[in-house]
Protein backbone atom coordinates (compact mmCIF):
# COMPACT_ATOMS: atom_id res chain seq x y z
CA MET A 1 27.73 -11.89 -9.67
CA PHE A 2 26.15 -9.77 -12.12
CA ASN A 3 26.86 -6.01 -12.62
CA PHE A 4 23.96 -3.95 -11.19
CA SER A 5 24.98 -0.94 -13.66
CA GLU A 6 24.98 -3.38 -16.60
CA ILE A 7 21.60 -4.59 -15.78
CA ALA A 8 20.17 -0.64 -14.89
CA ASP A 9 21.56 -0.18 -18.92
CA ARG A 10 19.73 -3.03 -20.10
CA ALA A 11 16.37 -1.95 -18.50
CA VAL A 12 16.64 1.98 -19.54
CA ALA A 13 17.24 0.13 -22.82
CA GLY A 14 14.09 -1.81 -22.64
CA THR A 15 15.11 -5.30 -21.42
CA PRO A 16 13.90 -5.75 -17.78
CA ALA A 17 16.08 -8.04 -15.21
CA SER A 18 15.93 -11.77 -16.08
CA ALA A 19 14.75 -14.25 -13.29
CA ASP A 20 18.37 -15.15 -12.70
CA GLU A 21 19.66 -11.64 -12.42
CA ALA A 22 16.76 -10.86 -10.06
CA LEU A 23 18.04 -14.06 -7.73
CA SER A 24 21.51 -12.32 -7.83
CA ILE A 25 20.04 -8.81 -6.64
CA LEU A 26 18.12 -10.46 -4.05
CA ARG A 27 21.26 -12.48 -2.58
CA SER A 28 23.68 -9.69 -2.87
CA ASP A 29 25.68 -8.54 0.29
CA ASP A 30 24.90 -5.64 2.24
CA SER A 31 27.96 -4.15 1.09
CA GLN A 32 27.00 -3.70 -2.53
CA LEU A 33 23.99 -1.92 -1.06
CA LEU A 34 24.55 1.55 -2.23
CA ASP A 35 25.70 0.19 -6.00
CA LEU A 36 22.51 -1.80 -6.21
CA VAL A 37 20.08 1.45 -4.81
CA ALA A 38 22.14 3.65 -7.22
CA ALA A 39 21.70 1.12 -10.30
CA ALA A 40 17.72 0.77 -9.57
CA GLY A 41 17.53 4.60 -8.79
CA ARG A 42 19.02 5.17 -12.50
CA VAL A 43 16.06 3.39 -14.17
CA ARG A 44 13.38 5.17 -11.70
CA ARG A 45 14.67 8.56 -12.97
CA HIS A 46 14.73 7.58 -16.28
CA HIS A 47 10.85 6.85 -16.06
CA PHE A 48 9.82 8.77 -13.17
CA GLY A 49 12.31 11.72 -12.71
CA MET A 50 11.95 12.67 -9.09
CA LYS A 51 7.94 12.37 -8.93
CA ILE A 52 6.33 10.42 -6.28
CA LYS A 53 2.52 9.67 -6.57
CA VAL A 54 0.66 9.85 -3.47
CA ASN A 55 -1.94 7.40 -2.82
CA TYR A 56 -4.63 7.05 -0.05
CA LEU A 57 -6.55 4.54 1.56
CA VAL A 58 -10.45 4.80 2.03
CA ASN A 59 -11.57 1.59 4.12
CA LEU A 60 -15.34 1.57 3.38
CA LYS A 61 -16.20 -1.98 4.90
CA SER A 62 -14.06 -3.41 7.64
CA GLY A 63 -13.67 -6.76 8.88
CA LEU A 64 -15.75 -9.92 8.67
CA CYS A 65 -14.60 -11.22 5.67
CA PRO A 66 -15.58 -14.90 4.85
CA GLU A 67 -11.95 -15.72 3.07
CA ASP A 68 -8.96 -17.46 5.50
CA CYS A 69 -5.82 -15.55 3.95
CA GLY A 70 -3.42 -16.44 6.66
CA TYR A 71 -1.71 -12.76 6.48
CA CYS A 72 -4.83 -10.90 7.04
CA SER A 73 -6.43 -9.35 10.44
CA GLN A 74 -9.65 -9.10 8.54
CA ARG A 75 -9.95 -13.05 7.60
CA LEU A 76 -12.69 -15.56 9.04
CA GLY A 77 -11.83 -16.54 12.46
CA SER A 78 -8.96 -13.47 13.30
CA ASP A 79 -8.71 -12.70 16.48
CA THR A 80 -7.24 -9.48 15.80
CA GLU A 81 -8.91 -6.61 17.60
CA ILE A 82 -9.37 -4.40 14.43
CA LEU A 83 -12.24 -2.24 13.58
CA LYS A 84 -15.15 -3.93 12.50
CA TYR A 85 -17.94 -1.80 10.48
CA SER A 86 -20.16 -2.02 7.64
CA TRP A 87 -20.58 -0.19 4.39
CA LEU A 88 -19.74 3.67 4.94
CA LYS A 89 -22.35 6.02 3.48
CA GLY A 90 -21.56 7.83 0.28
CA ASP A 91 -21.25 11.48 1.61
CA GLU A 92 -18.68 9.80 4.36
CA ALA A 93 -16.60 8.02 1.71
CA ARG A 94 -16.38 11.43 -0.09
CA ARG A 95 -15.30 13.32 3.29
CA GLN A 96 -12.54 10.51 3.83
CA ALA A 97 -11.12 10.34 0.37
CA GLU A 98 -10.69 14.41 0.51
CA PHE A 99 -8.88 14.27 3.48
CA GLY A 100 -6.34 12.18 1.33
CA LEU A 101 -6.71 14.76 -1.58
CA ALA A 102 -5.74 17.46 0.70
CA GLY A 103 -3.16 15.48 1.87
CA GLY A 104 -1.51 15.43 -1.71
CA ALA A 105 -2.55 12.19 -2.58
CA SER A 106 -3.75 11.81 -6.43
CA ARG A 107 -5.33 8.51 -6.23
CA VAL A 108 -7.75 7.44 -3.57
CA CYS A 109 -8.18 3.49 -3.18
CA LEU A 110 -11.68 2.49 -2.38
CA VAL A 111 -11.23 -0.76 -0.38
CA ALA A 112 -13.87 -3.37 1.00
CA SER A 113 -13.23 -6.47 2.69
CA GLY A 114 -15.12 -9.66 1.41
CA ARG A 115 -14.59 -12.40 -1.47
CA GLY A 116 -16.02 -10.20 -3.80
CA PRO A 117 -18.77 -7.95 -4.53
CA SER A 118 -22.42 -8.44 -4.61
CA ASN A 119 -24.21 -6.27 -7.46
CA ARG A 120 -25.67 -4.25 -5.06
CA ASP A 121 -22.06 -3.34 -3.78
CA VAL A 122 -20.67 -2.68 -6.94
CA GLU A 123 -23.53 -0.15 -7.47
CA ARG A 124 -22.55 1.38 -4.23
CA VAL A 125 -18.98 2.03 -4.92
CA ALA A 126 -20.12 3.34 -8.48
CA GLY A 127 -22.39 5.93 -6.93
CA MET A 128 -19.56 7.01 -4.28
CA THR A 129 -16.99 7.01 -7.09
CA GLU A 130 -18.86 9.36 -9.47
CA ASP A 131 -19.84 11.53 -6.07
CA ILE A 132 -16.03 11.66 -5.32
CA LYS A 133 -15.14 12.48 -8.82
CA ALA A 134 -18.12 15.43 -9.42
CA ASN A 135 -16.48 17.21 -6.56
CA ASN A 136 -12.79 16.36 -7.31
CA PRO A 137 -12.35 16.22 -11.07
CA ASP A 138 -9.09 15.50 -11.01
CA VAL A 139 -8.91 12.45 -8.60
CA GLU A 140 -8.03 9.24 -9.89
CA ILE A 141 -10.10 6.37 -8.46
CA CYS A 142 -8.82 2.84 -7.44
CA ALA A 143 -11.32 0.25 -6.40
CA CYS A 144 -10.58 -2.97 -4.58
CA LEU A 145 -13.54 -4.72 -3.92
CA GLY A 146 -12.27 -8.78 -4.15
CA ILE A 147 -13.17 -11.29 -6.82
CA LEU A 148 -15.07 -9.79 -9.93
CA LYS A 149 -17.92 -11.65 -11.62
CA ASN A 150 -19.22 -11.16 -15.19
CA GLY A 151 -20.23 -7.58 -15.70
CA GLN A 152 -18.86 -5.87 -12.64
CA ALA A 153 -15.51 -4.69 -14.09
CA GLU A 154 -17.53 -2.95 -17.01
CA ARG A 155 -19.59 -1.32 -14.66
CA LEU A 156 -16.96 -0.02 -12.29
CA ARG A 157 -15.09 1.50 -15.22
CA ASP A 158 -18.56 3.00 -16.60
CA ALA A 159 -18.61 4.96 -13.40
CA GLY A 160 -15.32 6.32 -13.51
CA VAL A 161 -13.09 4.06 -11.89
CA ASP A 162 -9.76 4.43 -13.53
CA ALA A 163 -7.93 1.21 -11.75
CA TYR A 164 -8.66 -2.20 -10.07
CA ASN A 165 -6.61 -3.48 -7.26
CA HIS A 166 -6.42 -7.11 -6.57
CA ASN A 167 -3.06 -8.42 -5.53
CA LEU A 168 -1.64 -11.61 -6.24
CA ASN A 169 -0.13 -11.54 -2.86
CA THR A 170 2.66 -14.05 -3.78
CA ALA A 171 3.92 -17.01 -6.23
CA LYS A 172 1.24 -19.24 -7.25
CA SER A 173 3.60 -22.07 -6.08
CA HIS A 174 3.07 -20.66 -2.47
CA TYR A 175 -0.10 -19.78 -2.50
CA GLU A 176 -2.24 -22.59 -1.13
CA ASP A 177 0.19 -22.32 2.07
CA ILE A 178 -1.32 -18.84 2.82
CA CYS A 179 -5.17 -19.54 1.65
CA SER A 180 -7.53 -22.34 1.08
CA THR A 181 -10.70 -20.21 0.29
CA HIS A 182 -10.11 -19.44 -2.98
CA THR A 183 -7.01 -20.06 -5.82
CA TRP A 184 -4.22 -18.06 -7.24
CA ASP A 185 -5.68 -18.58 -10.68
CA GLU A 186 -9.06 -16.93 -9.11
CA ARG A 187 -6.85 -13.50 -8.41
CA ALA A 188 -5.30 -13.73 -12.06
CA GLU A 189 -8.39 -14.23 -13.69
CA THR A 190 -9.70 -10.82 -11.75
CA VAL A 191 -6.62 -8.66 -12.56
CA SER A 192 -7.09 -9.92 -16.18
CA ARG A 193 -10.99 -8.87 -16.00
CA ALA A 194 -10.01 -5.68 -14.82
CA HIS A 195 -7.52 -4.91 -17.44
CA GLU A 196 -9.95 -6.29 -20.05
CA ALA A 197 -12.67 -3.93 -18.90
CA GLY A 198 -10.46 -0.97 -19.55
CA MET A 199 -9.19 -0.44 -16.17
CA SER A 200 -5.62 0.05 -15.61
CA PRO A 201 -4.34 -3.19 -13.46
CA CYS A 202 -2.84 -2.57 -10.09
CA SER A 203 -1.40 -5.45 -8.54
CA GLY A 204 1.45 -6.24 -6.12
CA LEU A 205 2.51 -8.99 -3.43
CA ILE A 206 3.15 -9.36 0.15
CA VAL A 207 6.72 -10.41 1.05
CA GLY A 208 7.82 -11.81 4.34
CA MET A 209 5.59 -14.86 4.56
CA LYS A 210 7.92 -17.67 4.19
CA GLU A 211 8.36 -17.57 0.69
CA THR A 212 11.88 -18.25 -1.10
CA ASP A 213 13.67 -15.77 -2.80
CA GLU A 214 12.33 -17.83 -6.01
CA GLN A 215 8.86 -17.20 -5.37
CA ILE A 216 9.58 -13.51 -4.88
CA VAL A 217 10.85 -13.56 -8.63
CA GLU A 218 8.02 -16.25 -9.53
CA ALA A 219 5.55 -13.86 -8.53
CA VAL A 220 6.99 -10.48 -10.14
CA GLU A 221 7.17 -12.32 -13.47
CA SER A 222 3.64 -13.18 -13.08
CA LEU A 223 2.83 -9.27 -12.50
CA ARG A 224 4.88 -8.89 -15.28
CA GLU A 225 2.96 -11.20 -17.88
CA LEU A 226 -0.31 -10.02 -16.42
CA GLY A 227 0.23 -6.42 -17.48
CA SER A 228 0.44 -4.85 -13.88
CA ASP A 229 0.63 -0.84 -14.41
CA SER A 230 0.85 -0.18 -10.59
CA ILE A 231 2.64 -3.17 -8.49
CA PRO A 232 2.46 -2.48 -4.32
CA VAL A 233 4.95 -4.19 -2.14
CA ASN A 234 3.64 -4.92 0.95
CA PHE A 235 5.69 -6.08 4.10
CA LEU A 236 3.92 -8.54 6.18
CA ILE A 237 2.78 -7.00 9.08
CA PRO A 238 2.36 -9.84 11.83
CA PHE A 239 -1.11 -9.29 13.40
CA GLU A 240 -1.75 -10.95 16.45
CA GLY A 241 -4.51 -13.46 16.12
CA THR A 242 -3.62 -14.48 12.56
CA PRO A 243 -1.82 -17.85 11.33
CA LEU A 244 1.45 -15.36 10.71
CA GLU A 245 1.73 -13.88 13.84
CA GLY A 246 4.91 -13.35 15.17
CA VAL A 247 6.90 -13.93 11.94
CA ASN A 248 9.14 -11.07 11.18
CA TYR A 249 12.68 -11.92 9.54
CA LEU A 250 13.01 -9.29 6.98
CA THR A 251 15.60 -6.76 7.72
CA PRO A 252 15.60 -3.22 6.18
CA THR A 253 18.41 -4.13 3.79
CA GLN A 254 16.50 -6.91 2.30
CA CYS A 255 13.55 -5.01 1.87
CA LEU A 256 15.64 -2.43 -0.01
CA ARG A 257 16.75 -5.49 -2.41
CA ILE A 258 13.24 -6.72 -2.92
CA LEU A 259 12.21 -3.46 -4.10
CA CYS A 260 15.26 -3.23 -6.19
CA ALA A 261 14.84 -6.34 -7.78
CA VAL A 262 10.99 -5.27 -8.83
CA ARG A 263 12.56 -1.83 -10.10
CA LEU A 264 14.56 -3.85 -12.08
CA MET A 265 12.38 -6.36 -13.41
CA CYS A 266 9.39 -3.95 -14.07
CA PRO A 267 11.39 -0.74 -15.16
CA ASP A 268 8.38 1.09 -16.29
CA LYS A 269 5.81 0.52 -13.91
CA GLU A 270 4.77 2.53 -10.99
CA LEU A 271 6.34 0.63 -7.98
CA ARG A 272 4.92 1.62 -4.49
CA MET A 273 6.28 0.78 -1.09
CA ALA A 274 3.05 -0.07 0.71
CA GLY A 275 1.90 -1.73 3.76
CA GLY A 276 4.58 -2.33 6.66
CA ARG A 277 7.17 -0.21 5.22
CA GLU A 278 7.60 1.57 8.45
CA MET A 279 7.96 -1.51 10.61
CA HIS A 280 10.57 -3.24 7.79
CA LEU A 281 12.09 -0.57 6.36
CA LYS A 282 12.69 1.39 9.18
CA THR A 283 15.05 4.16 8.87
CA LEU A 284 15.76 3.02 5.00
CA GLN A 285 12.53 4.41 3.82
CA PRO A 286 13.82 7.68 2.68
CA MET A 287 16.36 5.82 0.61
CA ALA A 288 13.77 3.38 -0.77
CA LEU A 289 12.21 6.51 -2.36
CA HIS A 290 15.30 6.37 -4.94
CA VAL A 291 13.65 3.28 -6.39
CA VAL A 292 10.28 3.24 -5.73
CA ASN A 293 7.70 6.02 -7.15
CA SER A 294 4.66 5.87 -5.17
CA LEU A 295 3.66 5.38 -1.63
CA PHE A 296 0.43 5.20 0.68
CA LEU A 297 0.10 8.33 2.61
CA GLY A 298 -0.75 8.02 6.63
CA ASP A 299 -2.54 4.84 7.78
CA TYR A 300 -3.62 1.13 5.99
CA LEU A 301 -6.69 -0.18 6.33
CA THR A 302 -6.33 -1.84 9.93
CA SER A 303 -3.34 -0.69 10.95
CA GLU A 304 -1.58 2.46 11.43
CA GLY A 305 0.93 4.02 9.42
CA GLN A 306 3.61 6.84 10.62
CA ALA A 307 2.50 10.08 10.72
CA ALA A 308 1.15 11.96 7.31
CA GLU A 309 3.55 14.90 7.89
CA ASP A 310 6.60 12.36 8.48
CA ASP A 311 5.62 11.01 4.79
CA LEU A 312 5.71 14.45 3.05
CA ASP A 313 8.92 15.32 5.55
CA MET A 314 10.59 12.40 3.73
CA ILE A 315 9.60 13.47 0.09
CA VAL A 316 10.31 17.21 0.77
CA ASP A 317 13.67 16.72 2.25
CA GLY A 318 14.70 14.13 -0.04
CA GLY A 319 14.02 16.77 -3.17
CA PHE A 320 11.17 14.88 -4.62
CA GLU A 321 8.12 16.25 -5.94
CA ILE A 322 4.09 14.86 -5.56
CA VAL A 323 2.39 14.31 -8.56
CA GLY A 324 -0.34 16.74 -8.92
CA GLN A 325 1.20 19.24 -6.67
CA ASP A 326 2.70 22.41 -8.14
CA ASP A 327 5.11 22.63 -4.88
CA ALA A 328 5.68 19.77 -2.27
CA ARG A 329 7.06 21.75 0.50
CA ALA A 330 4.18 24.34 0.42
CA LEU A 331 1.76 21.97 0.88
CA ARG A 332 3.90 20.30 3.69
CA ASP A 333 3.83 23.66 5.26
CA ARG A 334 0.28 24.47 4.84
CA LEU A 335 -1.04 21.23 6.26
CA ARG A 336 1.51 21.93 9.32
CA ALA A 337 0.41 25.51 9.75
CA HIS A 338 -3.36 24.42 9.48
CA ARG A 339 -2.79 21.72 12.13
CA LYS A 340 -1.14 24.26 14.42
CA ALA A 341 -3.85 26.40 14.11
CA HIS A 342 -6.41 23.75 14.57
CA ALA A 343 -4.54 22.77 17.79
CA GLU A 344 -4.61 26.38 19.15
CA ALA A 345 -8.49 26.82 18.43
CA MET A 346 -8.47 23.73 20.60
CA GLY A 347 -6.48 25.08 23.30
CA GLY A 348 -3.82 22.36 22.91
CA ASN A 349 -0.11 22.75 22.10
CA THR A 350 0.93 24.76 19.37
CA ASP A 351 4.73 23.49 19.30
CA ASP A 352 4.56 21.57 16.11
CA ALA A 353 1.37 20.03 17.35
CA PRO A 354 0.47 16.49 15.90
CA ALA A 355 -2.73 15.45 15.23
CA ALA A 356 -4.90 14.29 17.97
CA GLU A 357 -4.40 11.12 19.52
CA ALA A 358 -6.83 8.11 19.05
CA PRO A 359 -8.03 6.71 22.72
CA ALA A 360 -5.34 4.15 24.35
CA THR A 361 -7.95 1.14 23.84
CA LEU A 362 -8.93 -0.98 20.86
CA PRO A 363 -12.48 -1.29 19.75
CA CYS A 364 -13.19 -4.02 22.47
CA GLY A 365 -11.97 -2.12 25.22
CA LYS A 366 -8.77 -3.66 25.54
CA SER A 367 -5.60 -1.54 25.97
CA ALA A 368 -4.05 -0.96 22.52
CA PRO A 369 -0.20 -1.77 22.45
CA PRO A 370 1.99 1.12 21.63
CA ALA A 371 3.59 1.25 18.34
CA GLY A 372 6.70 -0.44 18.33
CA ALA A 373 5.75 -2.98 21.21
CA SER A 374 7.30 -6.26 21.95
CA ALA A 375 5.51 -9.83 21.17
CA GLY A 376 7.12 -11.41 24.03
CA ASP A 377 10.76 -12.44 23.29
CA GLY A 378 11.50 -8.66 21.85
CA SER A 379 11.99 -9.66 18.63
CA VAL A 380 8.56 -8.94 16.72
CA THR A 381 7.12 -5.59 16.45
CA VAL A 382 3.28 -5.61 17.03
CA PRO A 383 1.58 -3.11 14.82
CA THR A 384 -0.66 -0.36 16.13
CA ILE A 385 -4.22 -1.14 15.27
CA ARG A 386 -6.01 1.58 13.34
CA ARG A 387 -8.50 3.32 15.75
CA ARG A 388 -9.44 7.05 13.82
CA GLY A 389 -10.36 7.85 10.41
CA ALA A 390 -12.98 5.96 8.47
CA GLY A 391 -15.25 4.10 10.95
CA THR A 392 -14.64 6.03 13.75
CA VAL A 393 -15.23 9.92 14.92
CA LEU A 394 -11.67 11.14 14.98
CA ALA A 395 -9.84 12.78 12.14
CA PRO A 396 -7.76 10.58 9.92
CA ASN A 397 -3.94 10.43 9.64
CA ALA A 398 -3.53 12.51 6.65
């Protein structure tokens, strides 16, 4: 068994954890978890102090994707009753982005479903980027549009896109088990293409898709080789109507070990706890902030996240600071007061008033499952479909 503190010492000195060390971390006992988090947290603080980078997703185009990625609710043939809509107009994209910026985000991620963008799509996103930045000059823009063709990365860069996200998702040795319509190599090529064009590469993984510990390490080694500056770690959301429906074997402690392994393998990279964190990390989310230095605020592309105020509470209560904000507590309190005043104006409850709730139906008219619903045997949590924010008339969770 490796000594976690010694691994952290080497990581701080510039030598990341090896594959064998990472496997040892993934297979360590729950009784060692606090020692592991302390070691990973020391590395996190060395590079990022107590700062948290808040990111915000804007789903520009939802559903109807021709690819067959087995984890995705937007996949070809998916029966998941998600919101489906074509491209948002430019002014609506900016409006949605500004909700996230008001909630403390310093980076907005513009995402569109599909295999990859046409040149017309790239021009559309370039225009949105220029508009958002003209009105919010300090914002970072990350685009996530799929597989890029020649010249598209350069056009996005010229428009002001700072980063490009294209997740590897899993190890090359596992990729054919989750997707057949494109290859792992195509994904890696897009990450490289974005990097070579001068955009910061953002690429991460999804865990909980029946991969082995060795394949988690393989994926992280690939991300390291590609030079990913920002690594989102997603935890599988087992959407109904997808091939991975009902797959839910991760424990909160194992999720935390995975984050620690990534931190120690990639010591100086932005590490984000991303989609599925509420479902899988559960009450260990605040502890995870001592390992990661980034999160998404509010909802995800097609599913709901926890309340944005709860995200800010975690940050404030843990003594963390938000990148780009002078005072995280003042931000949280200001947003809380604004929502309370809005509720009073609308004649609603003013005692810690939450944001307006969405209708209890899915876009198709069916009843929506409540958060935390059980899928049959009581062991699988059914995600709540996003039905607010982009593509709806309701305010987002920000």
